[in-house]
C-alpha atoms as a PDB file:
ATOM      1  CA  MET A   1       0.109   0.119   0.230  1.00  0.00           C
ATOM      2  CA  GLU A   2       1.378   3.537  -1.025  1.00  0.00           C
ATOM      3  CA  SER A   3       2.158   5.238   1.864  1.00  0.00           C
ATOM      4  CA  LEU A   4       0.159   8.673   2.538  1.00  0.00           C
ATOM      5  CA  GLY A   5       3.142  10.752   3.524  1.00  0.00           C
ATOM      6  CA  PRO A   6       5.841  10.713   5.973  1.00  0.00           C
ATOM      7  CA  ASP A   7       6.608   8.781   8.845  1.00  0.00           C
ATOM      8  CA  PHE A   8       7.745  11.598  11.258  1.00  0.00           C
ATOM      9  CA  ILE A   9       7.616  15.099  10.874  1.00  0.00           C
ATOM     10  CA  ILE A  10       9.605  18.134  12.835  1.00  0.00           C
ATOM     11  CA  ILE A  11       6.617  20.551  13.434  1.00  0.00           C
ATOM     12  CA  GLY A  12       8.407  23.375  15.534  1.00  0.00           C
ATOM     13  CA  PHE A  13       9.900  25.841  16.769  1.00  0.00           C
ATOM     14  CA  PRO A  14      11.601  28.143  14.633  1.00  0.00           C
ATOM     15  CA  LYS A  15      14.916  29.549  15.129  1.00  0.00           C
ATOM     16  CA  CYS A  16      15.489  26.144  17.323  1.00  0.00           C
ATOM     17  CA  GLY A  17      17.831  24.389  15.154  1.00  0.00           C
ATOM     18  CA  THR A  18      15.358  22.342  13.023  1.00  0.00           C
ATOM     19  CA  THR A  19      17.209  23.123   9.740  1.00  0.00           C
ATOM     20  CA  SER A  20      20.480  21.679  10.965  1.00  0.00           C
ATOM     21  CA  LEU A  21      18.650  18.625  12.482  1.00  0.00           C
ATOM     22  CA  VAL A  22      17.145  17.973   8.763  1.00  0.00           C
ATOM     23  CA  ASP A  23      20.650  18.068   7.392  1.00  0.00           C
ATOM     24  CA  ASN A  24      21.893  15.618  10.242  1.00  0.00           C
ATOM     25  CA  LEU A  25      19.234  13.122  10.019  1.00  0.00           C
ATOM     26  CA  SER A  26      19.809  13.260   6.130  1.00  0.00           C
ATOM     27  CA  LYS A  27      23.498  11.564   6.744  1.00  0.00           C
ATOM     28  CA  HIS A  28      21.454   8.595   8.763  1.00  0.00           C
ATOM     29  CA  SER A  29      21.725   5.715   6.026  1.00  0.00           C
ATOM     30  CA  LYS A  30      18.116   4.729   6.996  1.00  0.00           C
ATOM     31  CA  ILE A  31      16.436   8.032   7.129  1.00  0.00           C
ATOM     32  CA  ASN A  32      15.227  10.046   3.882  1.00  0.00           C
ATOM     33  CA  MET A  33      14.400  13.942   4.504  1.00  0.00           C
ATOM     34  CA  PHE A  34      11.864  15.208   1.917  1.00  0.00           C
ATOM     35  CA  TYR A  35      11.076  18.823   1.359  1.00  0.00           C
ATOM     36  CA  ASP A  36       9.819  21.126  -1.273  1.00  0.00           C
ATOM     37  CA  VAL A  37      10.254  24.367  -0.601  1.00  0.00           C
ATOM     38  CA  GLY A  38      12.989  27.152   0.809  1.00  0.00           C
ATOM     39  CA  ASN A  39      14.882  26.559   3.559  1.00  0.00           C
ATOM     40  CA  LYS A  40      14.313  22.729   3.704  1.00  0.00           C
ATOM     41  CA  GLU A  41      10.822  22.814   4.460  1.00  0.00           C
ATOM     42  CA  SER A  42       7.318  21.234   3.303  1.00  0.00           C
ATOM     43  CA  VAL A  43       4.323  23.119   3.532  1.00  0.00           C
ATOM     44  CA  TYR A  44       2.093  20.531   2.673  1.00  0.00           C
ATOM     45  CA  TYR A  45      -0.026  20.499   5.356  1.00  0.00           C
ATOM     46  CA  HIS A  46      -0.942  24.082   6.076  1.00  0.00           C
ATOM     47  CA  THR A  47      -4.650  25.011   5.110  1.00  0.00           C
ATOM     48  CA  SER A  48      -3.527  26.940   1.962  1.00  0.00           C
ATOM     49  CA  HIS A  49      -1.503  24.520   0.422  1.00  0.00           C
ATOM     50  CA  TYR A  50      -3.201  21.444   1.339  1.00  0.00           C
ATOM     51  CA  TYR A  51      -6.247  21.435  -0.703  1.00  0.00           C
ATOM     52  CA  LYS A  52      -4.164  22.787  -3.724  1.00  0.00           C
ATOM     53  CA  LEU A  53      -1.564  20.276  -3.756  1.00  0.00           C
ATOM     54  CA  GLY A  54      -3.901  17.200  -3.707  1.00  0.00           C
ATOM     55  CA  LYS A  55      -3.808  13.733  -2.016  1.00  0.00           C
ATOM     56  CA  ASP A  56      -1.162  12.234  -4.309  1.00  0.00           C
ATOM     57  CA  PHE A  57       1.091  15.095  -3.598  1.00  0.00           C
ATOM     58  CA  TYR A  58       3.594  12.378  -2.347  1.00  0.00           C
ATOM     59  CA  LYS A  59       3.271  10.226  -4.947  1.00  0.00           C
ATOM     60  CA  ASP A  60       6.883   8.976  -6.147  1.00  0.00           C
ATOM     61  CA  LYS A  61       8.260  11.515  -3.621  1.00  0.00           C
ATOM     62  CA  LEU A  62       8.985   9.201  -0.616  1.00  0.00           C
ATOM     63  CA  LYS A  63      11.407   6.538  -0.223  1.00  0.00           C
ATOM     64  CA  PRO A  64      10.491   2.685   0.412  1.00  0.00           C
ATOM     65  CA  GLY A  65      12.457   0.976   2.953  1.00  0.00           C
ATOM     66  CA  MET A  66      13.263   4.380   4.438  1.00  0.00           C
ATOM     67  CA  VAL A  67      11.857   6.198   7.588  1.00  0.00           C
ATOM     68  CA  ASN A  68      10.679   9.481   5.495  1.00  0.00           C
ATOM     69  CA  GLY A  69      10.658  12.706   7.137  1.00  0.00           C
ATOM     70  CA  GLU A  70       9.729  16.467   6.746  1.00  0.00           C
ATOM     71  CA  LYS A  71       9.874  19.650   8.695  1.00  0.00           C
ATOM     72  CA  ASN A  72       8.101  22.631   8.928  1.00  0.00           C
ATOM     73  CA  PRO A  73       8.552  24.772  12.480  1.00  0.00           C
ATOM     74  CA  THR A  74       5.320  26.595  12.064  1.00  0.00           C
ATOM     75  CA  TYR A  75       2.997  23.828  12.008  1.00  0.00           C
ATOM     76  CA  ILE A  76       3.029  23.435  15.888  1.00  0.00           C
ATOM     77  CA  TRP A  77       1.006  26.919  15.845  1.00  0.00           C
ATOM     78  CA  ASN A  78      -1.781  25.925  13.868  1.00  0.00           C
ATOM     79  CA  THR A  79      -3.989  23.173  15.532  1.00  0.00           C
ATOM     80  CA  PHE A  80      -5.849  22.554  12.112  1.00  0.00           C
ATOM     81  CA  THR A  81      -2.842  21.865  10.510  1.00  0.00           C
ATOM     82  CA  LEU A  82      -2.079  19.309  13.724  1.00  0.00           C
ATOM     83  CA  LEU A  83      -5.472  17.484  13.330  1.00  0.00           C
ATOM     84  CA  ASN A  84      -5.188  17.600   9.654  1.00  0.00           C
ATOM     85  CA  ILE A  85      -1.690  15.615   9.964  1.00  0.00           C
ATOM     86  CA  LYS A  86      -3.075  13.008  12.662  1.00  0.00           C
ATOM     87  CA  ARG A  87      -6.396  12.509  10.574  1.00  0.00           C
ATOM     88  CA  ARG A  88      -4.196  11.601   7.566  1.00  0.00           C
ATOM     89  CA  LEU A  89      -1.327   9.985   9.289  1.00  0.00           C
ATOM     90  CA  PRO A  90      -2.364   8.390  12.285  1.00  0.00           C
ATOM     91  CA  ASN A  91       0.646   6.841  13.160  1.00  0.00           C
ATOM     92  CA  VAL A  92       2.885   9.771  12.425  1.00  0.00           C
ATOM     93  CA  LYS A  93       5.493  10.539  14.902  1.00  0.00           C
ATOM     94  CA  VAL A  94       6.591  14.409  15.675  1.00  0.00           C
ATOM     95  CA  ILE A  95       9.666  16.143  16.967  1.00  0.00           C
ATOM     96  CA  ILE A  96       9.440  19.541  18.558  1.00  0.00           C
ATOM     97  CA  SER A  97      12.451  21.458  18.930  1.00  0.00           C
ATOM     98  CA  LEU A  98      12.808  23.958  22.074  1.00  0.00           C
ATOM     99  CA  ARG A  99      15.211  27.065  22.702  1.00  0.00           C
ATOM    100  CA  ASN A 100      15.454  29.172  25.711  1.00  0.00           C
ATOM    101  CA  PRO A 101      12.323  31.899  25.076  1.00  0.00           C
ATOM    102  CA  PRO A 102      14.230  34.954  25.179  1.00  0.00           C
ATOM    103  CA  ASP A 103      17.029  33.735  22.886  1.00  0.00           C
ATOM    104  CA  TYR A 104      14.129  32.132  20.440  1.00  0.00           C
ATOM    105  CA  LEU A 105      12.270  35.770  20.459  1.00  0.00           C
ATOM    106  CA  TYR A 106      15.694  37.679  19.520  1.00  0.00           C
ATOM    107  CA  SER A 107      16.544  35.427  16.876  1.00  0.00           C
ATOM    108  CA  TRP A 108      13.025  35.456  15.528  1.00  0.00           C
ATOM    109  CA  TYR A 109      12.427  38.970  15.838  1.00  0.00           C
ATOM    110  CA  HIS A 110      15.370  39.515  13.960  1.00  0.00           C
ATOM    111  CA  GLN A 111      14.413  36.870  11.143  1.00  0.00           C
ATOM    112  CA  LEU A 112      10.766  38.778  10.609  1.00  0.00           C
ATOM    113  CA  TYR A 113      11.827  42.332  10.783  1.00  0.00           C
ATOM    114  CA  VAL A 114      15.750  42.574  10.938  1.00  0.00           C
ATOM    115  CA  ASN A 115      16.559  40.497   8.115  1.00  0.00           C
ATOM    116  CA  SER A 116      13.088  41.060   6.074  1.00  0.00           C
ATOM    117  CA  LYS A 117      11.687  37.855   6.129  1.00  0.00           C
ATOM    118  CA  CYS A 118       8.428  38.900   7.468  1.00  0.00           C
ATOM    119  CA  GLY A 119       6.310  37.025   4.618  1.00  0.00           C
ATOM    120  CA  CYS A 120       4.501  39.837   3.298  1.00  0.00           C
ATOM    121  CA  GLU A 121       3.667  40.440   0.027  1.00  0.00           C
ATOM    122  CA  LYS A 122       6.192  43.232  -0.229  1.00  0.00           C
ATOM    123  CA  CYS A 123       9.035  41.463   1.110  1.00  0.00           C
ATOM    124  CA  LYS A 124       8.619  38.505  -0.919  1.00  0.00           C
ATOM    125  CA  LYS A 125       8.761  40.864  -4.167  1.00  0.00           C
ATOM    126  CA  LEU A 126      11.963  42.529  -2.651  1.00  0.00           C
ATOM    127  CA  ALA A 127      13.340  38.845  -1.978  1.00  0.00           C
ATOM    128  CA  GLU A 128      12.492  38.075  -5.502  1.00  0.00           C
ATOM    129  CA  ASP A 129      14.296  40.953  -6.862  1.00  0.00           C
ATOM    130  CA  LYS A 130      17.025  40.412  -4.364  1.00  0.00           C
ATOM    131  CA  LYS A 131      17.324  36.891  -6.172  1.00  0.00           C
ATOM    132  CA  ASN A 132      17.292  38.302  -9.843  1.00  0.00           C
ATOM    133  CA  GLY A 133      19.968  40.848  -9.032  1.00  0.00           C
ATOM    134  CA  LYS A 134      17.210  43.851  -8.909  1.00  0.00           C
ATOM    135  CA  ALA A 135      17.511  44.962  -5.352  1.00  0.00           C
ATOM    136  CA  GLU A 136      19.779  46.588  -3.320  1.00  0.00           C
ATOM    137  CA  GLU A 137      21.163  44.628  -0.138  1.00  0.00           C
ATOM    138  CA  ASN A 138      18.962  45.533   3.044  1.00  0.00           C
ATOM    139  CA  LYS A 139      20.419  48.449   5.076  1.00  0.00           C
ATOM    140  CA  VAL A 140      19.988  48.013   8.608  1.00  0.00           C
ATOM    141  CA  GLU A 141      21.084  49.609  11.584  1.00  0.00           C
ATOM    142  CA  GLU A 142      22.937  46.851  13.545  1.00  0.00           C
ATOM    143  CA  GLN A 143      25.270  46.543  16.618  1.00  0.00           C
ATOM    144  CA  VAL A 144      29.062  45.746  14.833  1.00  0.00           C
ATOM    145  CA  GLU A 145      31.831  45.144  16.731  1.00  0.00           C
ATOM    146  CA  ASN A 146      30.386  45.804  19.930  1.00  0.00           C
ATOM    147  CA  LYS A 147      29.852  49.128  19.013  1.00  0.00           C
ATOM    148  CA  PRO A 148      26.325  50.834  20.368  1.00  0.00           C
ATOM    149  CA  ILE A 149      23.454  50.187  17.975  1.00  0.00           C
ATOM    150  CA  LYS A 150      22.250  53.604  16.451  1.00  0.00           C
ATOM    151  CA  LYS A 151      19.271  55.445  17.450  1.00  0.00           C
ATOM    152  CA  LEU A 152      16.951  56.978  15.036  1.00  0.00           C
ATOM    153  CA  ASN A 153      14.371  59.518  17.003  1.00  0.00           C
ATOM    154  CA  VAL A 154      11.065  58.936  15.370  1.00  0.00           C
ATOM    155  CA  LYS A 155       7.823  61.059  16.200  1.00  0.00           C
ATOM    156  CA  ASN A 156       4.681  58.809  16.772  1.00  0.00           C
ATOM    157  CA  LYS A 157       2.070  61.262  15.017  1.00  0.00           C
ATOM    158  CA  LYS A 158      -1.199  59.660  16.666  1.00  0.00           C
ATOM    159  CA  LYS A 159       0.069  59.812  20.154  1.00  0.00           C
ATOM    160  CA  GLY A 160       2.540  62.939  19.809  1.00  0.00           C
ATOM    161  CA  LYS A 161       5.355  60.679  21.864  1.00  0.00           C
ATOM    162  CA  LYS A 162       8.778  59.959  20.475  1.00  0.00           C
ATOM    163  CA  PHE A 163      10.611  56.490  20.637  1.00  0.00           C
ATOM    164  CA  ASP A 164      13.900  55.138  19.882  1.00  0.00           C
ATOM    165  CA  VAL A 165      14.099  52.932  16.616  1.00  0.00           C
ATOM    166  CA  LYS A 166      16.866  50.453  16.868  1.00  0.00           C
ATOM    167  CA  LEU A 167      16.000  48.411  13.742  1.00  0.00           C
ATOM    168  CA  LYS A 168      14.231  48.630  10.482  1.00  0.00           C
ATOM    169  CA  ASN A 169      12.958  46.008   7.936  1.00  0.00           C
ATOM    170  CA  LYS A 170      13.260  46.563   4.336  1.00  0.00           C
ATOM    171  CA  HIS A 171      10.397  48.774   4.221  1.00  0.00           C
ATOM    172  CA  ASN A 172      10.798  51.157   6.789  1.00  0.00           C
ATOM    173  CA  LYS A 173       8.553  49.692   9.335  1.00  0.00           C
ATOM    174  CA  GLU A 174       9.733  50.807  12.753  1.00  0.00           C
ATOM    175  CA  ILE A 175       9.626  47.815  15.141  1.00  0.00           C
ATOM    176  CA  THR A 176      11.919  47.262  18.078  1.00  0.00           C
ATOM    177  CA  PHE A 177      12.728  44.420  20.025  1.00  0.00           C
ATOM    178  CA  GLU A 178      10.634  46.050  23.092  1.00  0.00           C
ATOM    179  CA  ASP A 179       7.730  46.149  20.687  1.00  0.00           C
ATOM    180  CA  PHE A 180       8.079  42.933  19.319  1.00  0.00           C
ATOM    181  CA  ILE A 181       7.851  41.069  22.430  1.00  0.00           C
ATOM    182  CA  LYS A 182       4.451  42.686  23.317  1.00  0.00           C
ATOM    183  CA  PHE A 183       2.773  41.609  20.332  1.00  0.00           C
ATOM    184  CA  PRO A 184       0.009  39.138  21.501  1.00  0.00           C
ATOM    185  CA  ARG A 185       0.723  36.606  18.689  1.00  0.00           C
ATOM    186  CA  GLN A 186       4.205  36.293  19.757  1.00  0.00           C
ATOM    187  CA  ILE A 187       3.512  36.203  23.491  1.00  0.00           C
ATOM    188  CA  GLU A 188       1.174  33.102  22.881  1.00  0.00           C
ATOM    189  CA  ASN A 189       3.596  31.445  20.433  1.00  0.00           C
ATOM    190  CA  SER A 190       6.409  31.500  22.586  1.00  0.00           C
ATOM    191  CA  TYR A 191       4.888  29.807  25.553  1.00  0.00           C
ATOM    192  CA  PHE A 192       5.824  26.524  24.420  1.00  0.00           C
ATOM    193  CA  VAL A 193       4.172  24.503  27.147  1.00  0.00           C
ATOM    194  CA  ASN A 194       0.634  25.188  25.836  1.00  0.00           C
ATOM    195  CA  HIS A 195       1.777  23.892  22.361  1.00  0.00           C
ATOM    196  CA  ILE A 196       3.490  21.049  23.676  1.00  0.00           C
ATOM    197  CA  ILE A 197       0.583  19.954  25.557  1.00  0.00           C
ATOM    198  CA  LYS A 198      -1.498  20.296  22.522  1.00  0.00           C
ATOM    199  CA  ALA A 199       0.764  18.240  20.627  1.00  0.00           C
ATOM    200  CA  GLN A 200       1.089  15.849  23.029  1.00  0.00           C
ATOM    201  CA  ASP A 201      -2.823  15.324  23.107  1.00  0.00           C
ATOM    202  CA  ILE A 202      -3.146  15.052  19.321  1.00  0.00           C
ATOM    203  CA  PHE A 203      -0.110  12.418  18.769  1.00  0.00           C
ATOM    204  CA  GLY A 204       0.603  10.873  22.391  1.00  0.00           C
ATOM    205  CA  LYS A 205       3.140  11.392  24.247  1.00  0.00           C
ATOM    206  CA  GLU A 206       4.412   8.205  22.946  1.00  0.00           C
ATOM    207  CA  ASN A 207       4.725   9.505  19.278  1.00  0.00           C
ATOM    208  CA  THR A 208       6.309  13.155  20.527  1.00  0.00           C
ATOM    209  CA  HIS A 209       9.832  13.858  20.996  1.00  0.00           C
ATOM    210  CA  ILE A 210      11.244  16.936  22.289  1.00  0.00           C
ATOM    211  CA  LEU A 211      14.592  18.507  21.690  1.00  0.00           C
ATOM    212  CA  VAL A 212      16.192  21.018  23.602  1.00  0.00           C
ATOM    213  CA  GLN A 213      18.531  23.400  21.018  1.00  0.00           C
ATOM    214  CA  GLU A 214      20.993  24.030  23.719  1.00  0.00           C
ATOM    215  CA  GLU A 215      21.865  20.480  24.694  1.00  0.00           C
ATOM    216  CA  TYR A 216      21.398  19.216  21.061  1.00  0.00           C
ATOM    217  CA  GLU A 217      24.721  22.254  20.445  1.00  0.00           C
ATOM    218  CA  GLU A 218      26.540  20.946  23.599  1.00  0.00           C
ATOM    219  CA  ASP A 219      26.376  17.179  22.276  1.00  0.00           C
ATOM    220  CA  SER A 220      24.867  16.495  19.171  1.00  0.00           C
ATOM    221  CA  GLN A 221      25.446  13.137  18.484  1.00  0.00           C
ATOM    222  CA  LYS A 222      23.949  12.046  22.115  1.00  0.00           C
ATOM    223  CA  GLU A 223      20.557  14.092  21.254  1.00  0.00           C
ATOM    224  CA  LEU A 224      20.651  12.788  17.521  1.00  0.00           C
ATOM    225  CA  ASN A 225      20.943   9.087  19.267  1.00  0.00           C
ATOM    226  CA  LYS A 226      17.952   9.942  21.282  1.00  0.00           C
ATOM    227  CA  ILE A 227      15.887  10.582  17.917  1.00  0.00           C
ATOM    228  CA  PHE A 228      17.115   7.990  16.154  1.00  0.00           C
ATOM    229  CA  LYS A 229      15.782   5.618  18.955  1.00  0.00           C
ATOM    230  CA  PHE A 230      12.207   7.437  18.862  1.00  0.00           C
ATOM    231  CA  LEU A 231      12.209   6.570  15.170  1.00  0.00           C
ATOM    232  CA  GLY A 232      13.281   2.914  15.407  1.00  0.00           C
ATOM    233  CA  VAL A 233      16.468   3.096  13.509  1.00  0.00           C
ATOM    234  CA  GLU A 234      20.030   1.982  14.529  1.00  0.00           C
ATOM    235  CA  GLU A 235      22.538   4.543  16.074  1.00  0.00           C
ATOM    236  CA  GLU A 236      24.830   5.542  13.369  1.00  0.00           C
ATOM    237  CA  ASN A 237      28.073   8.161  14.363  1.00  0.00           C
ATOM    238  CA  LEU A 238      27.646  10.783  12.042  1.00  0.00           C
ATOM    239  CA  LYS A 239      30.330  12.837  10.393  1.00  0.00           C
ATOM    240  CA  ASP A 240      30.075  16.466   9.543  1.00  0.00           C
ATOM    241  CA  ILE A 241      27.464  17.276  11.936  1.00  0.00           C
ATOM    242  CA  VAL A 242      26.216  20.487  11.434  1.00  0.00           C
ATOM    243  CA  LYS A 243      25.178  22.526  14.856  1.00  0.00           C
ATOM    244  CA  PHE A 244      23.733  25.633  13.322  1.00  0.00           C
ATOM    245  CA  LYS A 245      22.100  26.381   9.834  1.00  0.00           C
ATOM    246  CA  GLY A 246      21.074  30.191   9.110  1.00  0.00           C
ATOM    247  CA  LYS A 247      22.226  33.560  10.160  1.00  0.00           C
ATOM    248  CA  ARG A 248      22.586  34.622  13.636  1.00  0.00           C
ATOM    249  CA  PRO A 249      21.501  38.189  15.068  1.00  0.00           C
ATOM    250  CA  LYS A 250      24.240  40.424  15.514  1.00  0.00           C
ATOM    251  CA  GLY A 251      24.549  41.847  18.944  1.00  0.00           C
ATOM    252  CA  ASN A 252      22.931  40.822  22.298  1.00  0.00           C
ATOM    253  CA  ILE A 253      19.708  41.134  23.805  1.00  0.00           C
ATOM    254  CA  ASP A 254      19.492  44.375  26.099  1.00  0.00           C
ATOM    255  CA  PRO A 255      20.586  43.291  29.426  1.00  0.00           C
ATOM    256  CA  LYS A 256      17.541  44.632  31.178  1.00  0.00           C
ATOM    257  CA  ILE A 257      15.358  43.170  28.845  1.00  0.00           C
ATOM    258  CA  ARG A 258      16.709  39.554  29.132  1.00  0.00           C
ATOM    259  CA  VAL A 259      16.234  40.305  32.811  1.00  0.00           C
ATOM    260  CA  SER A 260      12.884  41.019  32.426  1.00  0.00           C
ATOM    261  CA  LEU A 261      12.053  38.046  29.974  1.00  0.00           C
ATOM    262  CA  VAL A 262      13.991  35.698  32.538  1.00  0.00           C
ATOM    263  CA  LYS A 263      11.345  36.502  34.954  1.00  0.00           C
ATOM    264  CA  LYS A 264       8.566  36.411  32.557  1.00  0.00           C
ATOM    265  CA  TYR A 265       9.155  33.018  31.550  1.00  0.00           C
ATOM    266  CA  HIS A 266      10.142  31.479  34.841  1.00  0.00           C
ATOM    267  CA  THR A 267       6.558  30.271  35.676  1.00  0.00           C
ATOM    268  CA  HIS A 268       6.612  29.004  32.143  1.00  0.00           C
ATOM    269  CA  ASN A 269       9.664  27.188  32.473  1.00  0.00           C
ATOM    270  CA  GLU A 270       8.877  25.512  35.461  1.00  0.00           C
ATOM    271  CA  GLN A 271       6.105  23.780  33.998  1.00  0.00           C
ATOM    272  CA  LEU A 272       7.736  23.121  30.903  1.00  0.00           C
ATOM    273  CA  PHE A 273      10.662  21.273  33.150  1.00  0.00           C
ATOM    274  CA  LYS A 274       7.790  18.896  34.722  1.00  0.00           C
ATOM    275  CA  ILE A 275       6.885  18.041  31.186  1.00  0.00           C
ATOM    276  CA  LEU A 276      10.026  17.126  30.138  1.00  0.00           C
ATOM    277  CA  GLY A 277      10.912  15.374  33.555  1.00  0.00           C
ATOM    278  CA  ASN A 278      13.857  17.420  34.073  1.00  0.00           C
ATOM    279  CA  LYS A 279      15.431  20.946  34.364  1.00  0.00           C
ATOM    280  CA  ILE A 280      17.183  22.388  31.523  1.00  0.00           C
ATOM    281  CA  GLU A 281      20.372  23.870  33.318  1.00  0.00           C
ATOM    282  CA  ALA A 282      21.178  26.061  30.060  1.00  0.00           C
ATOM    283  CA  TRP A 283      18.084  28.108  30.912  1.00  0.00           C
ATOM    284  CA  VAL A 284      18.462  28.534  34.312  1.00  0.00           C
ATOM    285  CA  SER A 285      22.093  29.093  34.720  1.00  0.00           C
END
């Protein structure tokens, strides 16, 4: 009987090492990682693609005799997407990759607004123009060689207030990191524990594996061995393990903001540690 889809999916979270994980899992002799769009992702189960691509999408794409997998680190945010995956693939296994919430937020902010990958139509066009050699390089005021970030004094016309803009995206939308962490959507997305409980309810705890990026970077082979066991394949010592892919943000989170975020996520992290069954030392030290 033809497979309806992958045996496992990396469903979250963005900026938590999922792309390097695809590279490393691909090196295993019994694992085949499938992707159909940029950044080594598949978008099939997102609503807008699922009904357009059709049920035969995976025909001739998966390798028989292999454990087939794919990833999309934003699947975890969409309940309909997760339920759709479970309906189509009742026995699918899922992998969730985590990172210390303040660092996740800072990296995600940089990708969406500093590196201008926010996904809006204007950014998509700019990305396409750049690919075709028609666009200028993105000019962003960033911290370089530990020099302070240049502050721009911008007036808020509606409230008559002034505020500091440290970074801009390509279409000059003034969004600071302080603004970003107050967005309701980002607050919801960064409470990992809520999404993990939802995923475990849908797929079952036995079919859910959680990877912590800090532990993955410290001992990648050890964490990969855990995944091999979870997927039911033999352990293999991989060569040239990739610990990180992508563009890291320049500079660090303002110390005062980091302290406030650490306090904000303290209760959240304690709840998460109970689910994991152990404390993530890198998050509390």
